[in-house]
Amino acid sequence: MNTTDHIVEVSTSHGKIVAEDNERDAPILVLIHGNSSCRRVFDRQSESQLGRTYRLTTFDLPGHGKSDDAIEPERT
């Protein structure tokens, strides 16, 4: 996403999750990455018409990107 996007760390029962949001006043789309990836795979979408039209929220699943590894992997 862009350098002006809002990045937040959220503490959950599964560990710390890192999320990013372009904070547009628009309908929200939550984009979830696949296995062995992270939220950064959506950078191109954020910089495209999609990112200018919608509020995009992405996050790193536990054990991916900047999120913590799962506290209890069998539960997560």
PDB file of N, CA and C in Angstrom:
ATOM      1  N   MET A   1       0.838  -1.169   0.000  1.00  0.00           N
ATOM      2  CA  MET A   1       0.000   0.000   0.000  1.00  0.00           C
ATOM      3  C   MET A   1       0.886   1.235   0.000  1.00  0.00           C
ATOM      4  N   ASN A   2       0.283   2.373  -0.022  1.00  0.00           N
ATOM      5  CA  ASN A   2       1.031   3.628  -0.082  1.00  0.00           C
ATOM      6  C   ASN A   2       1.630   3.980   1.269  1.00  0.00           C
ATOM      7  N   THR A   3       2.635   4.839   1.262  1.00  0.00           N
ATOM      8  CA  THR A   3       3.283   5.250   2.510  1.00  0.00           C
ATOM      9  C   THR A   3       2.348   6.063   3.399  1.00  0.00           C
ATOM     10  N   THR A   4       1.241   6.566   2.851  1.00  0.00           N
ATOM     11  CA  THR A   4       0.295   7.336   3.660  1.00  0.00           C
ATOM     12  C   THR A   4      -0.752   6.447   4.314  1.00  0.00           C
ATOM     13  N   ASP A   5      -0.736   5.139   4.052  1.00  0.00           N
ATOM     14  CA  ASP A   5      -1.709   4.236   4.634  1.00  0.00           C
ATOM     15  C   ASP A   5      -1.451   4.040   6.118  1.00  0.00           C
ATOM     16  N   HIS A   6      -2.502   3.692   6.798  1.00  0.00           N
ATOM     17  CA  HIS A   6      -2.453   3.509   8.245  1.00  0.00           C
ATOM     18  C   HIS A   6      -2.123   2.052   8.558  1.00  0.00           C
ATOM     19  N   ILE A   7      -1.046   1.817   9.310  1.00  0.00           N
ATOM     20  CA  ILE A   7      -0.653   0.471   9.730  1.00  0.00           C
ATOM     21  C   ILE A   7      -0.887   0.368  11.224  1.00  0.00           C
ATOM     22  N   VAL A   8      -1.499  -0.744  11.635  1.00  0.00           N
ATOM     23  CA  VAL A   8      -1.810  -0.936  13.052  1.00  0.00           C
ATOM     24  C   VAL A   8      -1.465  -2.362  13.457  1.00  0.00           C
ATOM     25  N   GLU A   9      -1.021  -2.510  14.705  1.00  0.00           N
ATOM     26  CA  GLU A   9      -0.790  -3.831  15.288  1.00  0.00           C
ATOM     27  C   GLU A   9      -1.944  -4.123  16.234  1.00  0.00           C
ATOM     28  N   VAL A  10      -2.566  -5.277  16.049  1.00  0.00           N
ATOM     29  CA  VAL A  10      -3.718  -5.657  16.858  1.00  0.00           C
ATOM     30  C   VAL A  10      -3.367  -6.904  17.657  1.00  0.00           C
ATOM     31  N   SER A  11      -3.513  -6.846  18.972  1.00  0.00           N
ATOM     32  CA  SER A  11      -3.276  -8.020  19.811  1.00  0.00           C
ATOM     33  C   SER A  11      -4.525  -8.889  19.809  1.00  0.00           C
ATOM     34  N   THR A  12      -4.351 -10.167  19.484  1.00  0.00           N
ATOM     35  CA  THR A  12      -5.465 -11.110  19.476  1.00  0.00           C
ATOM     36  C   THR A  12      -5.073 -12.337  20.297  1.00  0.00           C
ATOM     37  N   SER A  13      -6.006 -13.229  20.527  1.00  0.00           N
ATOM     38  CA  SER A  13      -5.699 -14.469  21.248  1.00  0.00           C
ATOM     39  C   SER A  13      -4.820 -15.395  20.413  1.00  0.00           C
ATOM     40  N   HIS A  14      -4.608 -15.070  19.139  1.00  0.00           N
ATOM     41  CA  HIS A  14      -3.759 -15.860  18.250  1.00  0.00           C
ATOM     42  C   HIS A  14      -2.369 -15.252  18.110  1.00  0.00           C
ATOM     43  N   GLY A  15      -2.145 -14.076  18.676  1.00  0.00           N
ATOM     44  CA  GLY A  15      -0.878 -13.354  18.557  1.00  0.00           C
ATOM     45  C   GLY A  15      -1.113 -11.981  17.959  1.00  0.00           C
ATOM     46  N   LYS A  16      -0.030 -11.227  17.775  1.00  0.00           N
ATOM     47  CA  LYS A  16      -0.121  -9.883  17.190  1.00  0.00           C
ATOM     48  C   LYS A  16      -0.373  -9.998  15.690  1.00  0.00           C
ATOM     49  N   ILE A  17      -1.378  -9.267  15.198  1.00  0.00           N
ATOM     50  CA  ILE A  17      -1.707  -9.221  13.778  1.00  0.00           C
ATOM     51  C   ILE A  17      -1.424  -7.799  13.286  1.00  0.00           C
ATOM     52  N   VAL A  18      -0.753  -7.687  12.150  1.00  0.00           N
ATOM     53  CA  VAL A  18      -0.470  -6.386  11.556  1.00  0.00           C
ATOM     54  C   VAL A  18      -1.454  -6.156  10.415  1.00  0.00           C
ATOM     55  N   ALA A  19      -2.142  -5.009  10.455  1.00  0.00           N
ATOM     56  CA  ALA A  19      -3.140  -4.668   9.439  1.00  0.00           C
ATOM     57  C   ALA A  19      -2.806  -3.316   8.828  1.00  0.00           C
ATOM     58  N   GLU A  20      -3.312  -3.095   7.621  1.00  0.00           N
ATOM     59  CA  GLU A  20      -3.063  -1.854   6.894  1.00  0.00           C
ATOM     60  C   GLU A  20      -4.365  -1.411   6.240  1.00  0.00           C
ATOM     61  N   ASP A  21      -4.582  -0.102   6.188  1.00  0.00           N
ATOM     62  CA  ASP A  21      -5.840   0.447   5.700  1.00  0.00           C
ATOM     63  C   ASP A  21      -5.563   1.750   4.972  1.00  0.00           C
ATOM     64  N   ASN A  22      -6.184   1.942   3.797  1.00  0.00           N
ATOM     65  CA  ASN A  22      -5.964   3.191   3.063  1.00  0.00           C
ATOM     66  C   ASN A  22      -6.898   4.320   3.523  1.00  0.00           C
ATOM     67  N   GLU A  23      -7.767   4.025   4.471  1.00  0.00           N
ATOM     68  CA  GLU A  23      -8.616   5.010   5.158  1.00  0.00           C
ATOM     69  C   GLU A  23      -9.440   5.894   4.231  1.00  0.00           C
ATOM     70  N   ARG A  24      -9.937   5.351   3.145  1.00  0.00           N
ATOM     71  CA  ARG A  24     -10.824   6.105   2.260  1.00  0.00           C
ATOM     72  C   ARG A  24     -12.232   6.135   2.861  1.00  0.00           C
ATOM     73  N   ASP A  25     -12.978   7.166   2.558  1.00  0.00           N
ATOM     74  CA  ASP A  25     -14.388   7.235   2.941  1.00  0.00           C
ATOM     75  C   ASP A  25     -15.179   6.589   1.805  1.00  0.00           C
ATOM     76  N   ALA A  26     -15.196   5.255   1.798  1.00  0.00           N
ATOM     77  CA  ALA A  26     -15.785   4.495   0.703  1.00  0.00           C
ATOM     78  C   ALA A  26     -16.168   3.110   1.217  1.00  0.00           C
ATOM     79  N   PRO A  27     -16.894   2.330   0.416  1.00  0.00           N
ATOM     80  CA  PRO A  27     -17.192   0.952   0.820  1.00  0.00           C
ATOM     81  C   PRO A  27     -15.885   0.194   1.087  1.00  0.00           C
ATOM     82  N   ILE A  28     -15.929  -0.691   2.072  1.00  0.00           N
ATOM     83  CA  ILE A  28     -14.731  -1.394   2.523  1.00  0.00           C
ATOM     84  C   ILE A  28     -14.581  -2.744   1.817  1.00  0.00           C
ATOM     85  N   LEU A  29     -13.355  -3.031   1.371  1.00  0.00           N
ATOM     86  CA  LEU A  29     -12.988  -4.355   0.873  1.00  0.00           C
ATOM     87  C   LEU A  29     -11.874  -4.881   1.767  1.00  0.00           C
ATOM     88  N   VAL A  30     -12.039  -6.093   2.278  1.00  0.00           N
ATOM     89  CA  VAL A  30     -10.995  -6.744   3.058  1.00  0.00           C
ATOM     90  C   VAL A  30     -10.330  -7.760   2.146  1.00  0.00           C
ATOM     91  N   LEU A  31      -9.025  -7.608   1.947  1.00  0.00           N
ATOM     92  CA  LEU A  31      -8.269  -8.492   1.068  1.00  0.00           C
ATOM     93  C   LEU A  31      -7.418  -9.422   1.928  1.00  0.00           C
ATOM     94  N   ILE A  32      -7.559 -10.739   1.717  1.00  0.00           N
ATOM     95  CA  ILE A  32      -6.863 -11.742   2.523  1.00  0.00           C
ATOM     96  C   ILE A  32      -5.894 -12.505   1.633  1.00  0.00           C
ATOM     97  N   HIS A  33      -4.626 -12.490   1.997  1.00  0.00           N
ATOM     98  CA  HIS A  33      -3.598 -13.158   1.195  1.00  0.00           C
ATOM     99  C   HIS A  33      -3.673 -14.676   1.332  1.00  0.00           C
ATOM    100  N   GLY A  34      -3.022 -15.363   0.397  1.00  0.00           N
ATOM    101  CA  GLY A  34      -2.952 -16.825   0.422  1.00  0.00           C
ATOM    102  C   GLY A  34      -1.774 -17.324   1.242  1.00  0.00           C
ATOM    103  N   ASN A  35      -1.587 -18.628   1.231  1.00  0.00           N
ATOM    104  CA  ASN A  35      -0.520 -19.265   1.987  1.00  0.00           C
ATOM    105  C   ASN A  35       0.855 -18.794   1.500  1.00  0.00           C
ATOM    106  N   SER A  36       1.769 -18.658   2.440  1.00  0.00           N
ATOM    107  CA  SER A  36       3.164 -18.269   2.166  1.00  0.00           C
ATOM    108  C   SER A  36       3.274 -16.891   1.530  1.00  0.00           C
ATOM    109  N   SER A  37       2.383 -15.995   1.868  1.00  0.00           N
ATOM    110  CA  SER A  37       2.387 -14.643   1.331  1.00  0.00           C
ATOM    111  C   SER A  37       2.162 -13.658   2.474  1.00  0.00           C
ATOM    112  N   CYS A  38       1.869 -12.402   2.149  1.00  0.00           N
ATOM    113  CA  CYS A  38       1.585 -11.395   3.163  1.00  0.00           C
ATOM    114  C   CYS A  38       0.730 -10.294   2.539  1.00  0.00           C
ATOM    115  N   ARG A  39       0.341  -9.308   3.336  1.00  0.00           N
ATOM    116  CA  ARG A  39      -0.545  -8.238   2.882  1.00  0.00           C
ATOM    117  C   ARG A  39       0.046  -7.434   1.729  1.00  0.00           C
ATOM    118  N   ARG A  40       1.369  -7.432   1.596  1.00  0.00           N
ATOM    119  CA  ARG A  40       2.037  -6.630   0.569  1.00  0.00           C
ATOM    120  C   ARG A  40       1.730  -7.106  -0.855  1.00  0.00           C
ATOM    121  N   VAL A  41       1.175  -8.313  -1.012  1.00  0.00           N
ATOM    122  CA  VAL A  41       0.823  -8.781  -2.361  1.00  0.00           C
ATOM    123  C   VAL A  41      -0.271  -7.914  -2.972  1.00  0.00           C
ATOM    124  N   PHE A  42      -0.935  -7.097  -2.163  1.00  0.00           N
ATOM    125  CA  PHE A  42      -2.021  -6.247  -2.650  1.00  0.00           C
ATOM    126  C   PHE A  42      -1.583  -4.801  -2.918  1.00  0.00           C
ATOM    127  N   ASP A  43      -0.286  -4.523  -2.907  1.00  0.00           N
ATOM    128  CA  ASP A  43       0.205  -3.162  -3.156  1.00  0.00           C
ATOM    129  C   ASP A  43      -0.270  -2.620  -4.503  1.00  0.00           C
ATOM    130  N   ARG A  44      -0.234  -3.424  -5.542  1.00  0.00           N
ATOM    131  CA  ARG A  44      -0.659  -2.949  -6.870  1.00  0.00           C
ATOM    132  C   ARG A  44      -2.148  -2.604  -6.882  1.00  0.00           C
ATOM    133  N   GLN A  45      -2.963  -3.397  -6.196  1.00  0.00           N
ATOM    134  CA  GLN A  45      -4.392  -3.096  -6.139  1.00  0.00           C
ATOM    135  C   GLN A  45      -4.635  -1.791  -5.404  1.00  0.00           C
ATOM    136  N   SER A  46      -3.868  -1.546  -4.362  1.00  0.00           N
ATOM    137  CA  SER A  46      -4.012  -0.311  -3.597  1.00  0.00           C
ATOM    138  C   SER A  46      -3.713   0.919  -4.441  1.00  0.00           C
ATOM    139  N   GLU A  47      -2.754   0.792  -5.334  1.00  0.00           N
ATOM    140  CA  GLU A  47      -2.346   1.919  -6.166  1.00  0.00           C
ATOM    141  C   GLU A  47      -3.161   2.016  -7.456  1.00  0.00           C
ATOM    142  N   SER A  48      -4.099   1.115  -7.657  1.00  0.00           N
ATOM    143  CA  SER A  48      -4.917   1.094  -8.873  1.00  0.00           C
ATOM    144  C   SER A  48      -6.256   1.806  -8.638  1.00  0.00           C
ATOM    145  N   GLN A  49      -7.115   1.736  -9.618  1.00  0.00           N
ATOM    146  CA  GLN A  49      -8.468   2.298  -9.499  1.00  0.00           C
ATOM    147  C   GLN A  49      -9.218   1.678  -8.324  1.00  0.00           C
ATOM    148  N   LEU A  50      -8.960   0.404  -8.053  1.00  0.00           N
ATOM    149  CA  LEU A  50      -9.607  -0.270  -6.919  1.00  0.00           C
ATOM    150  C   LEU A  50      -9.307   0.465  -5.617  1.00  0.00           C
ATOM    151  N   GLY A  51      -8.053   0.827  -5.415  1.00  0.00           N
ATOM    152  CA  GLY A  51      -7.655   1.539  -4.204  1.00  0.00           C
ATOM    153  C   GLY A  51      -8.158   2.965  -4.142  1.00  0.00           C
ATOM    154  N   ARG A  52      -8.445   3.547  -5.286  1.00  0.00           N
ATOM    155  CA  ARG A  52      -9.000   4.901  -5.304  1.00  0.00           C
ATOM    156  C   ARG A  52     -10.516   4.891  -5.133  1.00  0.00           C
ATOM    157  N   THR A  53     -11.139   3.754  -5.368  1.00  0.00           N
ATOM    158  CA  THR A  53     -12.601   3.643  -5.302  1.00  0.00           C
ATOM    159  C   THR A  53     -13.092   3.088  -3.974  1.00  0.00           C
ATOM    160  N   TYR A  54     -12.304   2.201  -3.367  1.00  0.00           N
ATOM    161  CA  TYR A  54     -12.721   1.505  -2.147  1.00  0.00           C
ATOM    162  C   TYR A  54     -11.755   1.758  -1.001  1.00  0.00           C
ATOM    163  N   ARG A  55     -12.263   1.557   0.195  1.00  0.00           N
ATOM    164  CA  ARG A  55     -11.402   1.517   1.368  1.00  0.00           C
ATOM    165  C   ARG A  55     -10.859   0.091   1.437  1.00  0.00           C
ATOM    166  N   LEU A  56      -9.553  -0.064   1.286  1.00  0.00           N
ATOM    167  CA  LEU A  56      -8.935  -1.383   1.300  1.00  0.00           C
ATOM    168  C   LEU A  56      -8.303  -1.656   2.652  1.00  0.00           C
ATOM    169  N   THR A  57      -8.601  -2.808   3.194  1.00  0.00           N
ATOM    170  CA  THR A  57      -8.001  -3.268   4.436  1.00  0.00           C
ATOM    171  C   THR A  57      -7.322  -4.597   4.156  1.00  0.00           C
ATOM    172  N   THR A  58      -6.061  -4.698   4.514  1.00  0.00           N
ATOM    173  CA  THR A  58      -5.313  -5.941   4.363  1.00  0.00           C
ATOM    174  C   THR A  58      -4.662  -6.263   5.695  1.00  0.00           C
ATOM    175  N   PHE A  59      -4.269  -7.504   5.885  1.00  0.00           N
ATOM    176  CA  PHE A  59      -3.577  -7.880   7.116  1.00  0.00           C
ATOM    177  C   PHE A  59      -2.717  -9.100   6.859  1.00  0.00           C
ATOM    178  N   ASP A  60      -1.723  -9.285   7.717  1.00  0.00           N
ATOM    179  CA  ASP A  60      -0.872 -10.460   7.669  1.00  0.00           C
ATOM    180  C   ASP A  60      -1.465 -11.520   8.577  1.00  0.00           C
ATOM    181  N   LEU A  61      -1.765 -12.679   8.011  1.00  0.00           N
ATOM    182  CA  LEU A  61      -2.248 -13.793   8.820  1.00  0.00           C
ATOM    183  C   LEU A  61      -1.157 -14.217   9.806  1.00  0.00           C
ATOM    184  N   PRO A  62      -1.519 -14.907  10.898  1.00  0.00           N
ATOM    185  CA  PRO A  62      -0.501 -15.352  11.858  1.00  0.00           C
ATOM    186  C   PRO A  62       0.614 -16.131  11.161  1.00  0.00           C
ATOM    187  N   GLY A  63       1.863 -15.793  11.520  1.00  0.00           N
ATOM    188  CA  GLY A  63       3.015 -16.465  10.953  1.00  0.00           C
ATOM    189  C   GLY A  63       3.428 -15.946   9.588  1.00  0.00           C
ATOM    190  N   HIS A  64       2.806 -14.877   9.113  1.00  0.00           N
ATOM    191  CA  HIS A  64       3.111 -14.312   7.801  1.00  0.00           C
ATOM    192  C   HIS A  64       3.450 -12.830   7.946  1.00  0.00           C
ATOM    193  N   GLY A  65       4.264 -12.325   7.020  1.00  0.00           N
ATOM    194  CA  GLY A  65       4.584 -10.897   7.030  1.00  0.00           C
ATOM    195  C   GLY A  65       5.117 -10.452   8.373  1.00  0.00           C
ATOM    196  N   LYS A  66       4.521  -9.383   8.897  1.00  0.00           N
ATOM    197  CA  LYS A  66       4.980  -8.816  10.169  1.00  0.00           C
ATOM    198  C   LYS A  66       4.143  -9.266  11.367  1.00  0.00           C
ATOM    199  N   SER A  67       3.184 -10.153  11.137  1.00  0.00           N
ATOM    200  CA  SER A  67       2.399 -10.693  12.252  1.00  0.00           C
ATOM    201  C   SER A  67       3.215 -11.745  13.001  1.00  0.00           C
ATOM    202  N   ASP A  68       2.875 -11.921  14.281  1.00  0.00           N
ATOM    203  CA  ASP A  68       3.544 -12.941  15.095  1.00  0.00           C
ATOM    204  C   ASP A  68       3.162 -14.333  14.612  1.00  0.00           C
ATOM    205  N   ASP A  69       4.011 -15.302  14.966  1.00  0.00           N
ATOM    206  CA  ASP A  69       3.620 -16.692  14.778  1.00  0.00           C
ATOM    207  C   ASP A  69       2.431 -16.969  15.698  1.00  0.00           C
ATOM    208  N   ALA A  70       1.615 -17.926  15.330  1.00  0.00           N
ATOM    209  CA  ALA A  70       0.453 -18.276  16.146  1.00  0.00           C
ATOM    210  C   ALA A  70       0.912 -18.759  17.526  1.00  0.00           C
ATOM    211  N   ILE A  71       0.231 -18.289  18.562  1.00  0.00           N
ATOM    212  CA  ILE A  71       0.543 -18.700  19.925  1.00  0.00           C
ATOM    213  C   ILE A  71       0.259 -20.194  20.095  1.00  0.00           C
ATOM    214  N   GLU A  72      -0.894 -20.643  19.580  1.00  0.00           N
ATOM    215  CA  GLU A  72      -1.295 -22.049  19.607  1.00  0.00           C
ATOM    216  C   GLU A  72      -1.645 -22.467  18.171  1.00  0.00           C
ATOM    217  N   PRO A  73      -0.659 -22.912  17.394  1.00  0.00           N
ATOM    218  CA  PRO A  73      -0.903 -23.208  15.975  1.00  0.00           C
ATOM    219  C   PRO A  73      -2.062 -24.171  15.725  1.00  0.00           C
ATOM    220  N   GLU A  74      -2.237 -25.160  16.562  1.00  0.00           N
ATOM    221  CA  GLU A  74      -3.321 -26.126  16.347  1.00  0.00           C
ATOM    222  C   GLU A  74      -4.702 -25.470  16.502  1.00  0.00           C
ATOM    223  N   ARG A  75      -4.804 -24.404  17.285  1.00  0.00           N
ATOM    224  CA  ARG A  75      -6.074 -23.678  17.442  1.00  0.00           C
ATOM    225  C   ARG A  75      -6.252 -22.654  16.329  1.00  0.00           C
ATOM    226  N   THR A  76      -5.187 -21.996  15.941  1.00  0.00           N
ATOM    227  CA  THR A  76      -5.254 -20.959  14.928  1.00  0.00           C
ATOM    228  C   THR A  76      -5.492 -21.559  13.570  1.00  0.00           C
TER     229      THR A  76
END
